[in-house]
Protein backbone atom coordinates (compact mmCIF):
# COMPACT_ATOMS: atom_id res chain seq x y z
CA MET A 1 -13.93 5.57 -5.16
CA ASN A 2 -11.72 3.71 -2.72
CA SER A 3 -8.82 3.41 -5.15
CA VAL A 4 -5.45 4.73 -4.01
CA ASP A 5 -5.35 7.08 -7.04
CA PHE A 6 -8.70 8.64 -6.01
CA LEU A 7 -7.45 9.07 -2.41
CA LEU A 8 -4.13 10.63 -3.52
CA THR A 9 -5.74 13.09 -5.93
CA ASN A 10 -8.69 14.11 -3.72
CA LYS A 11 -7.10 15.43 -0.50
CA TYR A 12 -10.29 17.11 0.89
CA ILE A 13 -12.99 14.42 1.01
CA ILE A 14 -16.21 15.14 2.91
CA TYR A 15 -17.16 12.91 5.88
CA GLU A 16 -19.94 10.90 4.03
CA ILE A 17 -17.58 9.93 1.27
CA ARG A 18 -14.86 8.92 3.73
CA THR A 19 -17.39 6.76 5.51
CA GLU A 20 -18.38 5.10 2.19
CA ILE A 21 -14.73 4.60 1.32
CA LYS A 22 -14.19 2.84 4.68
CA ARG A 23 -17.23 0.64 4.16
CA LEU A 24 -15.88 -0.46 0.70
CA GLY A 25 -12.63 -1.54 2.27
CA ARG A 26 -9.07 -1.21 1.27
CA PRO A 27 -7.87 -2.17 -2.13
CA ILE A 28 -5.73 -5.34 -1.93
CA PRO A 29 -4.52 -6.07 -5.42
CA ASP A 30 -1.94 -8.65 -6.37
CA LEU A 31 1.26 -6.65 -7.08
CA ILE A 32 4.20 -7.71 -9.03
CA ILE A 33 7.17 -6.47 -6.93
CA SER A 34 10.40 -8.31 -6.46
CA LYS A 35 13.79 -7.61 -4.85
CA THR A 36 17.13 -9.40 -5.43
CA ASP A 37 19.69 -9.33 -2.67
CA ILE A 38 23.28 -10.37 -3.19
CA GLY A 39 24.55 -12.84 -0.65
CA LYS A 40 28.00 -14.14 0.13
CA SER A 41 27.45 -17.49 -1.75
CA ARG A 42 24.35 -16.75 -3.80
CA ASN A 43 21.69 -14.23 -4.86
CA TYR A 44 18.35 -14.12 -3.03
CA SER A 45 15.21 -13.20 -4.90
CA ARG A 46 12.11 -12.15 -2.83
CA ASN A 47 8.66 -11.57 -4.20
CA PHE A 48 5.60 -9.66 -2.94
CA ASN A 49 3.14 -12.06 -1.46
CA SER A 50 -0.43 -10.92 -1.09
CA SER A 51 -0.77 -12.74 2.24
CA VAL A 52 0.94 -9.61 3.69
CA TYR A 53 -2.50 -7.94 3.48
CA ASP A 54 -3.79 -10.52 6.11
CA ARG A 55 -0.94 -9.61 8.52
CA PHE A 56 -1.14 -5.93 8.18
CA LYS A 57 -4.83 -4.72 8.12
CA TRP A 58 -3.80 -1.11 7.38
CA LEU A 59 -1.89 -2.00 4.17
CA CYS A 60 -3.45 -1.37 0.73
CA GLY A 61 -1.98 -1.53 -2.74
CA CYS A 62 -2.18 0.38 -6.03
CA PRO A 63 -1.87 -1.72 -9.21
CA LYS A 64 -1.36 1.38 -11.31
CA ARG A 65 1.70 2.59 -9.28
CA ASN A 66 2.62 -0.96 -8.21
CA LYS A 67 3.23 0.26 -4.66
CA LEU A 68 1.88 -0.18 -1.17
CA PHE A 69 0.25 2.50 1.00
CA CYS A 70 -1.29 3.00 4.41
CA PHE A 71 -5.01 2.86 3.78
CA ILE A 72 -5.83 4.58 7.22
CA CYS A 73 -3.46 7.49 6.34
CA LEU A 74 -4.95 7.91 2.96
CA VAL A 75 -8.58 7.90 4.06
CA MET A 76 -8.01 10.02 7.14
CA GLY A 77 -5.56 12.42 5.49
CA GLY A 78 -2.50 11.36 7.44
CA ASN A 79 0.79 12.90 7.59
CA GLN A 80 3.07 13.68 4.58
CA SER A 81 5.13 10.45 4.89
CA ALA A 82 6.20 8.11 2.06
CA TRP A 83 3.36 5.77 3.05
CA THR A 84 0.84 8.46 2.22
CA GLN A 85 2.37 10.39 -0.66
CA GLU A 86 4.77 8.05 -2.60
CA GLY A 87 3.91 4.52 -1.47
CA GLU A 88 6.58 1.83 -0.76
CA LYS A 89 7.93 -0.50 -3.30
CA ASP A 90 11.42 -1.36 -2.23
CA LYS A 91 10.63 -2.23 1.32
CA CYS A 92 7.39 -4.10 0.66
CA VAL A 93 9.01 -7.49 0.68
CA ASP A 94 10.80 -6.60 3.91
CA ILE A 95 7.66 -5.66 6.00
CA GLN A 96 7.83 -7.50 9.30
CA GLU A 97 5.46 -7.77 12.15
């Protein structure tokens, strides 16, 4: 019930179900996301590290889509940004505090 797919496909969720979803907590799966940047002297490869979930308590993941989402926005029906509709994959290894 608290999966990203459920939240994306069910826009109008009653209060009791939203409360249960919050109680269950955000999904924090290990995702396989990597990014390679080309530097002047060598290439740099960065990979998603699940410790990002510890730093950003609002972040959740979807293993089916292999992307990150804002859990609060999904549960509360946030704005129509990329964090709530499409998820983020390219920027996930660049998230900074």
